[in-house]
Amino acid sequence: MNRKNGKKMVSKDHGHLSPSWRRLKERLLYYFFFINGIIAIIVLVGIFSLLFSEGFPAFKQIGLGEFFLSANWNPTSPVRESYGILAMVVSTLMVTFGALIIAVPVGIACAAYIADVAHPKVREVVKPVIEILAGIPSVVVGFLGIVVVGPWLTKIFGISSGLNAVNGSILLSIMSLPTIISISEDAIISVPQEYKNASLALGANKWQTLVRVTLPSAMSGILAAVMLGMGRAIGETMTVLMACGNAPSLPRSFFDPVRTMTATIAIELGETVQGDIHYQSLFVIGFVLFLMTFLVNLVSDLVAHKYQ
């Protein structure tokens, strides 16, 4: 009786999810994800079109050579206005790669420790602390750069001002760490346990297994984490605006004050007249930032597919 009742119950459950209902649900899910993908593409193309249409008149009036090869940015000069973004591009890349030099080894090491070495009780404490670090406002981080990191740099290196590219790199590395650690940890945890067991069975110790088996197996996820951290560093505004000195000249070293592209847009966009050459030039800077982040994501996808 129980078996029969059980069979009847199962048959009722299967009858409730008939093939036609299943096909309908699958079709609805398909169209739901398809529409969301199309919306994402439309938004992306819309941003690209807006930046290009607003900045294209500046390209025609200034010229590509002066705009990209000149380091002189002086839109308020009474003699001749200058719109060269080379210094800002170099400053942005300096601060970004400086942040990655600090954040990538520290982030991967922390992720490996949390995922493969730390005691479960330690993991329960460390992981929420890292997630809280991601919620600190960028203006607070910039304030710490002015009050703490800047004076510390002047004492350690004997420089006149601590508001420079090194300050921005240190702060951006701190802001990028939560992203790199969280995603890298997920990638390391997702490595099948059989890989680790096979390595240990062949005589490798835990450290050799981590370095030569676990991390290479999780490399695609780790690279994605690094690229997302790089995107965070490139797009950050308030921190670099407060802590980098905002000097529009071409930097010679990491100890020089710099002004990034995002800081320039934040400082000057509210002071321009809509439609004039200065306004359009700021949209060109936004367009260049858009292309840089797009290329970073494209390269990360290509590298991730290669490692897969």
C-alpha atoms as a PDB file:
ATOM      1  CA  MET A   1       0.000   0.000   0.000  1.00  0.00           C
ATOM      2  CA  ASN A   2       2.723   2.380   0.952  1.00  0.00           C
ATOM      3  CA  ARG A   3       4.615   1.590  -2.212  1.00  0.00           C
ATOM      4  CA  LYS A   4       1.524   2.104  -4.283  1.00  0.00           C
ATOM      5  CA  ASN A   5       0.765   5.326  -2.502  1.00  0.00           C
ATOM      6  CA  GLY A   6       4.340   6.342  -2.978  1.00  0.00           C
ATOM      7  CA  LYS A   7       4.110   5.587  -6.674  1.00  0.00           C
ATOM      8  CA  LYS A   8       0.889   7.551  -6.910  1.00  0.00           C
ATOM      9  CA  MET A   9       2.481  10.521  -5.175  1.00  0.00           C
ATOM     10  CA  VAL A  10       5.466  10.424  -7.496  1.00  0.00           C
ATOM     11  CA  SER A  11       3.230  10.142 -10.511  1.00  0.00           C
ATOM     12  CA  LYS A  12       1.195  13.099  -9.290  1.00  0.00           C
ATOM     13  CA  ASP A  13       4.387  15.159  -8.863  1.00  0.00           C
ATOM     14  CA  HIS A  14       5.516  14.248 -12.344  1.00  0.00           C
ATOM     15  CA  GLY A  15       2.054  14.948 -13.650  1.00  0.00           C
ATOM     16  CA  HIS A  16       2.183  18.383 -12.065  1.00  0.00           C
ATOM     17  CA  LEU A  17       5.394  19.151 -14.028  1.00  0.00           C
ATOM     18  CA  SER A  18       4.174  17.983 -17.388  1.00  0.00           C
ATOM     19  CA  PRO A  19       6.479  18.237 -20.436  1.00  0.00           C
ATOM     20  CA  SER A  20       4.519  21.188 -21.815  1.00  0.00           C
ATOM     21  CA  TRP A  21       4.922  23.118 -18.537  1.00  0.00           C
ATOM     22  CA  ARG A  22       8.617  22.304 -18.473  1.00  0.00           C
ATOM     23  CA  ARG A  23       9.092  23.538 -22.010  1.00  0.00           C
ATOM     24  CA  LEU A  24       7.169  26.712 -21.153  1.00  0.00           C
ATOM     25  CA  LYS A  25       9.308  27.358 -18.070  1.00  0.00           C
ATOM     26  CA  GLU A  26      12.500  26.748 -20.005  1.00  0.00           C
ATOM     27  CA  ARG A  27      11.335  29.064 -22.775  1.00  0.00           C
ATOM     28  CA  LEU A  28      10.420  31.797 -20.282  1.00  0.00           C
ATOM     29  CA  LEU A  29      13.797  31.496 -18.582  1.00  0.00           C
ATOM     30  CA  TYR A  30      15.505  31.595 -21.972  1.00  0.00           C
ATOM     31  CA  TYR A  31      13.707  34.795 -22.993  1.00  0.00           C
ATOM     32  CA  PHE A  32      14.297  36.332 -19.558  1.00  0.00           C
ATOM     33  CA  PHE A  33      18.071  35.897 -19.778  1.00  0.00           C
ATOM     34  CA  PHE A  34      18.080  36.794 -23.462  1.00  0.00           C
ATOM     35  CA  ILE A  35      16.266  40.092 -22.827  1.00  0.00           C
ATOM     36  CA  ASN A  36      18.605  40.931 -19.953  1.00  0.00           C
ATOM     37  CA  GLY A  37      21.614  40.249 -22.161  1.00  0.00           C
ATOM     38  CA  ILE A  38      20.186  42.478 -24.907  1.00  0.00           C
ATOM     39  CA  ILE A  39      19.539  45.265 -22.358  1.00  0.00           C
ATOM     40  CA  ALA A  40      23.139  45.060 -21.152  1.00  0.00           C
ATOM     41  CA  ILE A  41      24.402  45.349 -24.740  1.00  0.00           C
ATOM     42  CA  ILE A  42      22.075  48.288 -25.437  1.00  0.00           C
ATOM     43  CA  VAL A  43      23.277  50.113 -22.319  1.00  0.00           C
ATOM     44  CA  LEU A  44      26.905  49.482 -23.293  1.00  0.00           C
ATOM     45  CA  VAL A  45      26.365  50.739 -26.840  1.00  0.00           C
ATOM     46  CA  GLY A  46      24.433  53.728 -25.481  1.00  0.00           C
ATOM     47  CA  ILE A  47      27.306  54.747 -23.201  1.00  0.00           C
ATOM     48  CA  PHE A  48      29.773  54.340 -26.068  1.00  0.00           C
ATOM     49  CA  SER A  49      27.588  56.408 -28.415  1.00  0.00           C
ATOM     50  CA  LEU A  50      27.036  59.194 -25.876  1.00  0.00           C
ATOM     51  CA  LEU A  51      30.738  59.562 -25.078  1.00  0.00           C
ATOM     52  CA  PHE A  52      31.733  59.427 -28.740  1.00  0.00           C
ATOM     53  CA  SER A  53      29.058  61.868 -29.959  1.00  0.00           C
ATOM     54  CA  GLU A  54      29.833  64.409 -27.240  1.00  0.00           C
ATOM     55  CA  GLY A  55      33.597  64.148 -27.660  1.00  0.00           C
ATOM     56  CA  PHE A  56      33.907  63.876 -31.440  1.00  0.00           C
ATOM     57  CA  PRO A  57      33.752  67.675 -32.056  1.00  0.00           C
ATOM     58  CA  ALA A  58      36.769  68.056 -29.755  1.00  0.00           C
ATOM     59  CA  PHE A  59      38.654  65.502 -31.847  1.00  0.00           C
ATOM     60  CA  LYS A  60      37.985  67.546 -34.995  1.00  0.00           C
ATOM     61  CA  GLN A  61      38.929  70.877 -33.450  1.00  0.00           C
ATOM     62  CA  ILE A  62      41.994  69.852 -31.427  1.00  0.00           C
ATOM     63  CA  GLY A  63      43.363  66.962 -33.456  1.00  0.00           C
ATOM     64  CA  LEU A  64      44.352  63.475 -32.394  1.00  0.00           C
ATOM     65  CA  GLY A  65      48.067  64.236 -32.297  1.00  0.00           C
ATOM     66  CA  GLU A  66      47.835  67.143 -29.873  1.00  0.00           C
ATOM     67  CA  PHE A  67      45.195  65.460 -27.762  1.00  0.00           C
ATOM     68  CA  PHE A  68      47.034  62.188 -27.161  1.00  0.00           C
ATOM     69  CA  LEU A  69      50.691  63.197 -27.540  1.00  0.00           C
ATOM     70  CA  SER A  70      50.706  66.503 -25.673  1.00  0.00           C
ATOM     71  CA  ALA A  71      51.159  66.588 -21.886  1.00  0.00           C
ATOM     72  CA  ASN A  72      49.929  70.174 -21.551  1.00  0.00           C
ATOM     73  CA  TRP A  73      46.392  70.459 -20.146  1.00  0.00           C
ATOM     74  CA  ASN A  74      45.451  74.111 -19.566  1.00  0.00           C
ATOM     75  CA  PRO A  75      41.848  74.857 -20.633  1.00  0.00           C
ATOM     76  CA  THR A  76      41.767  78.256 -18.860  1.00  0.00           C
ATOM     77  CA  SER A  77      44.912  79.782 -20.399  1.00  0.00           C
ATOM     78  CA  PRO A  78      44.315  83.397 -21.584  1.00  0.00           C
ATOM     79  CA  VAL A  79      46.894  82.956 -24.360  1.00  0.00           C
ATOM     80  CA  ARG A  80      46.067  79.560 -25.872  1.00  0.00           C
ATOM     81  CA  GLU A  81      43.978  76.775 -24.436  1.00  0.00           C
ATOM     82  CA  SER A  82      45.705  73.393 -24.361  1.00  0.00           C
ATOM     83  CA  TYR A  83      44.025  69.986 -24.240  1.00  0.00           C
ATOM     84  CA  GLY A  84      46.655  67.270 -24.039  1.00  0.00           C
ATOM     85  CA  ILE A  85      45.854  64.200 -21.941  1.00  0.00           C
ATOM     86  CA  LEU A  86      49.186  62.354 -22.115  1.00  0.00           C
ATOM     87  CA  ALA A  87      50.124  63.346 -18.556  1.00  0.00           C
ATOM     88  CA  MET A  88      46.746  62.153 -17.234  1.00  0.00           C
ATOM     89  CA  VAL A  89      46.978  58.823 -19.066  1.00  0.00           C
ATOM     90  CA  VAL A  90      50.501  58.222 -17.716  1.00  0.00           C
ATOM     91  CA  SER A  91      49.398  59.228 -14.201  1.00  0.00           C
ATOM     92  CA  THR A  92      46.402  56.889 -14.320  1.00  0.00           C
ATOM     93  CA  LEU A  93      48.526  53.958 -15.481  1.00  0.00           C
ATOM     94  CA  MET A  94      51.210  54.693 -12.871  1.00  0.00           C
ATOM     95  CA  VAL A  95      48.755  54.734  -9.990  1.00  0.00           C
ATOM     96  CA  THR A  96      46.878  51.679 -11.283  1.00  0.00           C
ATOM     97  CA  PHE A  97      49.903  49.462 -11.849  1.00  0.00           C
ATOM     98  CA  GLY A  98      51.456  50.671  -8.609  1.00  0.00           C
ATOM     99  CA  ALA A  99      48.325  49.517  -6.819  1.00  0.00           C
ATOM    100  CA  LEU A 100      48.425  46.144  -8.584  1.00  0.00           C
ATOM    101  CA  ILE A 101      52.071  45.592  -7.655  1.00  0.00           C
ATOM    102  CA  ILE A 102      51.021  45.838  -4.008  1.00  0.00           C
ATOM    103  CA  ALA A 103      47.551  44.281  -4.133  1.00  0.00           C
ATOM    104  CA  VAL A 104      48.074  41.233  -6.378  1.00  0.00           C
ATOM    105  CA  PRO A 105      50.660  39.288  -4.314  1.00  0.00           C
ATOM    106  CA  VAL A 106      49.035  40.288  -1.020  1.00  0.00           C
ATOM    107  CA  GLY A 107      45.545  39.462  -2.273  1.00  0.00           C
ATOM    108  CA  ILE A 108      46.442  36.069  -3.741  1.00  0.00           C
ATOM    109  CA  ALA A 109      48.397  35.143  -0.613  1.00  0.00           C
ATOM    110  CA  CYS A 110      45.470  36.115   1.629  1.00  0.00           C
ATOM    111  CA  ALA A 111      43.021  34.193  -0.569  1.00  0.00           C
ATOM    112  CA  ALA A 112      45.233  31.083  -0.481  1.00  0.00           C
ATOM    113  CA  TYR A 113      45.561  31.351   3.284  1.00  0.00           C
ATOM    114  CA  ILE A 114      41.822  31.731   3.855  1.00  0.00           C
ATOM    115  CA  ALA A 115      40.848  28.977   1.417  1.00  0.00           C
ATOM    116  CA  ASP A 116      43.523  26.349   2.048  1.00  0.00           C
ATOM    117  CA  VAL A 117      45.477  27.035   5.233  1.00  0.00           C
ATOM    118  CA  ALA A 118      43.444  28.913   7.843  1.00  0.00           C
ATOM    119  CA  HIS A 119      41.512  27.154  10.574  1.00  0.00           C
ATOM    120  CA  PRO A 120      37.721  27.329  10.031  1.00  0.00           C
ATOM    121  CA  LYS A 121      37.321  29.564  13.083  1.00  0.00           C
ATOM    122  CA  VAL A 122      39.983  31.937  11.791  1.00  0.00           C
ATOM    123  CA  ARG A 123      38.313  31.935   8.382  1.00  0.00           C
ATOM    124  CA  GLU A 124      34.982  32.906   9.943  1.00  0.00           C
ATOM    125  CA  VAL A 125      36.636  35.979  11.472  1.00  0.00           C
ATOM    126  CA  VAL A 126      38.945  37.070   8.643  1.00  0.00           C
ATOM    127  CA  LYS A 127      36.489  36.806   5.759  1.00  0.00           C
ATOM    128  CA  PRO A 128      33.834  39.176   7.244  1.00  0.00           C
ATOM    129  CA  VAL A 129      36.584  41.671   8.100  1.00  0.00           C
ATOM    130  CA  ILE A 130      37.721  41.700   4.459  1.00  0.00           C
ATOM    131  CA  GLU A 131      34.131  42.164   3.284  1.00  0.00           C
ATOM    132  CA  ILE A 132      33.717  45.081   5.699  1.00  0.00           C
ATOM    133  CA  LEU A 133      36.864  46.618   4.223  1.00  0.00           C
ATOM    134  CA  ALA A 134      35.114  46.707   0.842  1.00  0.00           C
ATOM    135  CA  GLY A 135      32.344  48.847   2.308  1.00  0.00           C
ATOM    136  CA  ILE A 136      34.583  51.705   3.480  1.00  0.00           C
ATOM    137  CA  PRO A 137      33.709  54.863   1.458  1.00  0.00           C
ATOM    138  CA  SER A 138      36.420  56.063  -0.877  1.00  0.00           C
ATOM    139  CA  VAL A 139      36.334  59.545   0.651  1.00  0.00           C
ATOM    140  CA  VAL A 140      37.293  58.025   4.020  1.00  0.00           C
ATOM    141  CA  VAL A 141      40.195  56.184   2.402  1.00  0.00           C
ATOM    142  CA  GLY A 142      41.297  59.431   0.760  1.00  0.00           C
ATOM    143  CA  PHE A 143      41.118  61.219   4.106  1.00  0.00           C
ATOM    144  CA  LEU A 144      43.357  58.547   5.652  1.00  0.00           C
ATOM    145  CA  GLY A 145      45.767  59.093   2.777  1.00  0.00           C
ATOM    146  CA  ILE A 146      45.997  62.788   3.608  1.00  0.00           C
ATOM    147  CA  VAL A 147      46.234  62.397   7.391  1.00  0.00           C
ATOM    148  CA  VAL A 148      48.182  59.124   7.799  1.00  0.00           C
ATOM    149  CA  VAL A 149      49.878  57.867   4.618  1.00  0.00           C
ATOM    150  CA  GLY A 150      51.037  61.263   3.325  1.00  0.00           C
ATOM    151  CA  PRO A 151      52.941  62.320   6.491  1.00  0.00           C
ATOM    152  CA  TRP A 152      54.342  58.798   6.784  1.00  0.00           C
ATOM    153  CA  LEU A 153      55.762  59.011   3.237  1.00  0.00           C
ATOM    154  CA  THR A 154      57.376  62.391   3.900  1.00  0.00           C
ATOM    155  CA  LYS A 155      59.157  61.012   6.992  1.00  0.00           C
ATOM    156  CA  ILE A 156      60.270  57.731   5.425  1.00  0.00           C
ATOM    157  CA  PHE A 157      61.499  59.055   2.067  1.00  0.00           C
ATOM    158  CA  GLY A 158      62.354  62.637   2.984  1.00  0.00           C
ATOM    159  CA  ILE A 159      60.154  64.229   0.315  1.00  0.00           C
ATOM    160  CA  SER A 160      58.421  67.591   0.483  1.00  0.00           C
ATOM    161  CA  SER A 161      54.878  66.312  -0.050  1.00  0.00           C
ATOM    162  CA  GLY A 162      53.238  62.969   0.608  1.00  0.00           C
ATOM    163  CA  LEU A 163      50.417  63.609  -1.866  1.00  0.00           C
ATOM    164  CA  ASN A 164      51.811  61.746  -4.842  1.00  0.00           C
ATOM    165  CA  ALA A 165      51.472  58.615  -6.965  1.00  0.00           C
ATOM    166  CA  VAL A 166      52.835  56.342  -4.234  1.00  0.00           C
ATOM    167  CA  ASN A 167      50.132  57.540  -1.845  1.00  0.00           C
ATOM    168  CA  GLY A 168      47.436  56.859  -4.417  1.00  0.00           C
ATOM    169  CA  SER A 169      48.893  53.432  -5.240  1.00  0.00           C
ATOM    170  CA  ILE A 170      48.872  52.376  -1.587  1.00  0.00           C
ATOM    171  CA  LEU A 171      45.284  53.521  -1.082  1.00  0.00           C
ATOM    172  CA  LEU A 172      44.024  51.952  -4.323  1.00  0.00           C
ATOM    173  CA  SER A 173      45.724  48.678  -3.427  1.00  0.00           C
ATOM    174  CA  ILE A 174      43.804  48.652  -0.143  1.00  0.00           C
ATOM    175  CA  MET A 175      40.550  49.309  -1.998  1.00  0.00           C
ATOM    176  CA  SER A 176      41.273  46.590  -4.574  1.00  0.00           C
ATOM    177  CA  LEU A 177      42.180  43.918  -2.022  1.00  0.00           C
ATOM    178  CA  PRO A 178      38.617  42.855  -1.076  1.00  0.00           C
ATOM    179  CA  THR A 179      37.724  42.198  -4.717  1.00  0.00           C
ATOM    180  CA  ILE A 180      40.923  40.276  -5.440  1.00  0.00           C
ATOM    181  CA  ILE A 181      40.753  38.252  -2.215  1.00  0.00           C
ATOM    182  CA  SER A 182      37.072  37.303  -2.453  1.00  0.00           C
ATOM    183  CA  ILE A 183      37.091  36.188  -6.091  1.00  0.00           C
ATOM    184  CA  SER A 184      40.477  34.451  -5.812  1.00  0.00           C
ATOM    185  CA  GLU A 185      39.293  32.585  -2.742  1.00  0.00           C
ATOM    186  CA  ASP A 186      36.201  31.351  -4.583  1.00  0.00           C
ATOM    187  CA  ALA A 187      38.412  30.187  -7.457  1.00  0.00           C
ATOM    188  CA  ILE A 188      40.789  28.337  -5.121  1.00  0.00           C
ATOM    189  CA  ILE A 189      37.940  26.656  -3.228  1.00  0.00           C
ATOM    190  CA  SER A 190      36.383  25.493  -6.508  1.00  0.00           C
ATOM    191  CA  VAL A 191      39.478  23.434  -7.403  1.00  0.00           C
ATOM    192  CA  PRO A 192      38.440  19.746  -7.097  1.00  0.00           C
ATOM    193  CA  GLN A 193      39.732  18.002  -3.987  1.00  0.00           C
ATOM    194  CA  GLU A 194      40.862  15.088  -6.157  1.00  0.00           C
ATOM    195  CA  TYR A 195      43.636  17.253  -7.624  1.00  0.00           C
ATOM    196  CA  LYS A 196      45.012  17.992  -4.157  1.00  0.00           C
ATOM    197  CA  ASN A 197      44.674  14.385  -3.014  1.00  0.00           C
ATOM    198  CA  ALA A 198      46.525  13.157  -6.101  1.00  0.00           C
ATOM    199  CA  SER A 199      49.358  15.607  -5.499  1.00  0.00           C
ATOM    200  CA  LEU A 200      49.654  14.607  -1.847  1.00  0.00           C
ATOM    201  CA  ALA A 201      49.543  10.938  -2.782  1.00  0.00           C
ATOM    202  CA  LEU A 202      52.510  11.449  -5.133  1.00  0.00           C
ATOM    203  CA  GLY A 203      54.600  12.744  -2.238  1.00  0.00           C
ATOM    204  CA  ALA A 204      54.173  16.516  -2.514  1.00  0.00           C
ATOM    205  CA  ASN A 205      53.710  18.442   0.689  1.00  0.00           C
ATOM    206  CA  LYS A 206      50.891  20.902   1.328  1.00  0.00           C
ATOM    207  CA  TRP A 207      52.926  23.927   0.241  1.00  0.00           C
ATOM    208  CA  GLN A 208      53.998  22.306  -3.045  1.00  0.00           C
ATOM    209  CA  THR A 209      50.421  21.248  -3.702  1.00  0.00           C
ATOM    210  CA  LEU A 210      49.183  24.786  -3.138  1.00  0.00           C
ATOM    211  CA  VAL A 211      51.801  26.435  -5.368  1.00  0.00           C
ATOM    212  CA  ARG A 212      52.046  23.876  -8.181  1.00  0.00           C
ATOM    213  CA  VAL A 213      48.547  22.378  -8.320  1.00  0.00           C
ATOM    214  CA  THR A 214      45.887  24.495  -6.615  1.00  0.00           C
ATOM    215  CA  LEU A 215      46.908  27.972  -7.774  1.00  0.00           C
ATOM    216  CA  PRO A 216      47.555  26.976 -11.429  1.00  0.00           C
ATOM    217  CA  SER A 217      44.198  25.166 -11.499  1.00  0.00           C
ATOM    218  CA  ALA A 218      42.462  28.308 -10.195  1.00  0.00           C
ATOM    219  CA  MET A 219      44.415  30.654 -12.477  1.00  0.00           C
ATOM    220  CA  SER A 220      41.438  31.667 -14.634  1.00  0.00           C
ATOM    221  CA  GLY A 221      39.485  32.853 -11.598  1.00  0.00           C
ATOM    222  CA  ILE A 222      42.546  34.550 -10.111  1.00  0.00           C
ATOM    223  CA  LEU A 223      43.167  36.440 -13.357  1.00  0.00           C
ATOM    224  CA  ALA A 224      39.534  37.542 -13.391  1.00  0.00           C
ATOM    225  CA  ALA A 225      39.963  38.797  -9.823  1.00  0.00           C
ATOM    226  CA  VAL A 226      43.096  40.746 -10.767  1.00  0.00           C
ATOM    227  CA  MET A 227      41.380  42.347 -13.752  1.00  0.00           C
ATOM    228  CA  LEU A 228      38.364  43.331 -11.674  1.00  0.00           C
ATOM    229  CA  GLY A 229      40.709  44.836  -9.101  1.00  0.00           C
ATOM    230  CA  MET A 230      42.451  46.708 -11.896  1.00  0.00           C
ATOM    231  CA  GLY A 231      39.106  48.020 -13.128  1.00  0.00           C
ATOM    232  CA  ARG A 232      38.345  49.211  -9.615  1.00  0.00           C
ATOM    233  CA  ALA A 233      41.662  51.048  -9.473  1.00  0.00           C
ATOM    234  CA  ILE A 234      41.257  52.686 -12.898  1.00  0.00           C
ATOM    235  CA  GLY A 235      37.742  53.921 -12.161  1.00  0.00           C
ATOM    236  CA  GLU A 236      38.344  55.229  -8.643  1.00  0.00           C
ATOM    237  CA  THR A 237      37.839  58.990  -8.291  1.00  0.00           C
ATOM    238  CA  MET A 238      37.641  60.452  -4.789  1.00  0.00           C
ATOM    239  CA  THR A 239      40.665  58.661  -3.355  1.00  0.00           C
ATOM    240  CA  VAL A 240      43.071  59.740  -6.101  1.00  0.00           C
ATOM    241  CA  LEU A 241      41.529  63.202  -6.174  1.00  0.00           C
ATOM    242  CA  MET A 242      42.314  63.683  -2.474  1.00  0.00           C
ATOM    243  CA  ALA A 243      45.631  61.867  -2.115  1.00  0.00           C
ATOM    244  CA  CYS A 244      47.597  62.275  -5.374  1.00  0.00           C
ATOM    245  CA  GLY A 245      48.264  66.019  -5.407  1.00  0.00           C
ATOM    246  CA  ASN A 246      46.343  66.853  -8.641  1.00  0.00           C
ATOM    247  CA  ALA A 247      49.319  68.209 -10.593  1.00  0.00           C
ATOM    248  CA  PRO A 248      48.457  68.123 -14.341  1.00  0.00           C
ATOM    249  CA  SER A 249      52.112  67.878 -15.424  1.00  0.00           C
ATOM    250  CA  LEU A 250      53.840  64.759 -16.719  1.00  0.00           C
ATOM    251  CA  PRO A 251      55.221  62.810 -13.719  1.00  0.00           C
ATOM    252  CA  ARG A 252      58.879  61.764 -13.670  1.00  0.00           C
ATOM    253  CA  SER A 253      58.676  59.376 -10.724  1.00  0.00           C
ATOM    254  CA  PHE A 254      56.189  57.826  -8.310  1.00  0.00           C
ATOM    255  CA  PHE A 255      57.013  60.546  -5.791  1.00  0.00           C
ATOM    256  CA  ASP A 256      55.652  63.328  -8.030  1.00  0.00           C
ATOM    257  CA  PRO A 257      52.103  64.674  -7.609  1.00  0.00           C
ATOM    258  CA  VAL A 258      49.792  63.352 -10.335  1.00  0.00           C
ATOM    259  CA  ARG A 259      46.294  63.921 -11.630  1.00  0.00           C
ATOM    260  CA  THR A 260      44.375  60.973 -13.056  1.00  0.00           C
ATOM    261  CA  MET A 261      41.696  61.104 -15.733  1.00  0.00           C
ATOM    262  CA  THR A 262      38.883  60.417 -13.284  1.00  0.00           C
ATOM    263  CA  ALA A 263      40.060  63.208 -10.984  1.00  0.00           C
ATOM    264  CA  THR A 264      40.172  65.648 -13.906  1.00  0.00           C
ATOM    265  CA  ILE A 265      36.582  64.874 -14.869  1.00  0.00           C
ATOM    266  CA  ALA A 266      35.412  65.214 -11.262  1.00  0.00           C
ATOM    267  CA  ILE A 267      37.194  68.540 -10.743  1.00  0.00           C
ATOM    268  CA  GLU A 268      36.365  70.304 -14.008  1.00  0.00           C
ATOM    269  CA  LEU A 269      33.069  68.966 -15.350  1.00  0.00           C
ATOM    270  CA  GLY A 270      30.936  71.103 -13.037  1.00  0.00           C
ATOM    271  CA  GLU A 271      32.784  74.284 -14.047  1.00  0.00           C
ATOM    272  CA  THR A 272      32.441  73.983 -17.815  1.00  0.00           C
ATOM    273  CA  VAL A 273      29.833  75.420 -20.169  1.00  0.00           C
ATOM    274  CA  GLN A 274      27.824  72.683 -21.811  1.00  0.00           C
ATOM    275  CA  GLY A 275      28.773  72.327 -25.458  1.00  0.00           C
ATOM    276  CA  ASP A 276      32.088  74.211 -25.472  1.00  0.00           C
ATOM    277  CA  ILE A 277      35.465  72.687 -26.297  1.00  0.00           C
ATOM    278  CA  HIS A 278      36.416  72.146 -22.632  1.00  0.00           C
ATOM    279  CA  TYR A 279      33.180  70.259 -21.979  1.00  0.00           C
ATOM    280  CA  GLN A 280      33.677  68.091 -25.052  1.00  0.00           C
ATOM    281  CA  SER A 281      37.295  67.358 -24.131  1.00  0.00           C
ATOM    282  CA  LEU A 282      36.194  65.957 -20.778  1.00  0.00           C
ATOM    283  CA  PHE A 283      33.893  63.584 -22.641  1.00  0.00           C
ATOM    284  CA  VAL A 284      36.878  62.485 -24.716  1.00  0.00           C
ATOM    285  CA  ILE A 285      38.677  61.637 -21.462  1.00  0.00           C
ATOM    286  CA  GLY A 286      35.635  59.587 -20.437  1.00  0.00           C
ATOM    287  CA  PHE A 287      35.707  57.870 -23.827  1.00  0.00           C
ATOM    288  CA  VAL A 288      39.385  56.945 -23.375  1.00  0.00           C
ATOM    289  CA  LEU A 289      38.615  55.581 -19.894  1.00  0.00           C
ATOM    290  CA  PHE A 290      35.800  53.523 -21.368  1.00  0.00           C
ATOM    291  CA  LEU A 291      38.132  52.042 -23.988  1.00  0.00           C
ATOM    292  CA  MET A 292      40.783  51.264 -21.368  1.00  0.00           C
ATOM    293  CA  THR A 293      38.371  49.341 -19.156  1.00  0.00           C
ATOM    294  CA  PHE A 294      36.920  47.577 -22.202  1.00  0.00           C
ATOM    295  CA  LEU A 295      40.394  46.435 -23.281  1.00  0.00           C
ATOM    296  CA  VAL A 296      41.195  45.266 -19.746  1.00  0.00           C
ATOM    297  CA  ASN A 297      38.060  43.103 -19.676  1.00  0.00           C
ATOM    298  CA  LEU A 298      38.730  41.793 -23.183  1.00  0.00           C
ATOM    299  CA  VAL A 299      42.290  40.783 -22.339  1.00  0.00           C
ATOM    300  CA  SER A 300      41.136  39.139 -19.104  1.00  0.00           C
ATOM    301  CA  ASP A 301      38.588  37.040 -21.013  1.00  0.00           C
ATOM    302  CA  LEU A 302      41.170  35.963 -23.581  1.00  0.00           C
ATOM    303  CA  VAL A 303      43.703  35.008 -20.916  1.00  0.00           C
ATOM    304  CA  ALA A 304      41.055  33.206 -18.859  1.00  0.00           C
ATOM    305  CA  HIS A 305      40.017  31.128 -21.885  1.00  0.00           C
ATOM    306  CA  LYS A 306      43.656  30.309 -22.574  1.00  0.00           C
ATOM    307  CA  TYR A 307      44.193  28.989 -19.035  1.00  0.00           C
ATOM    308  CA  GLN A 308      40.928  27.073 -19.110  1.00  0.00           C
END
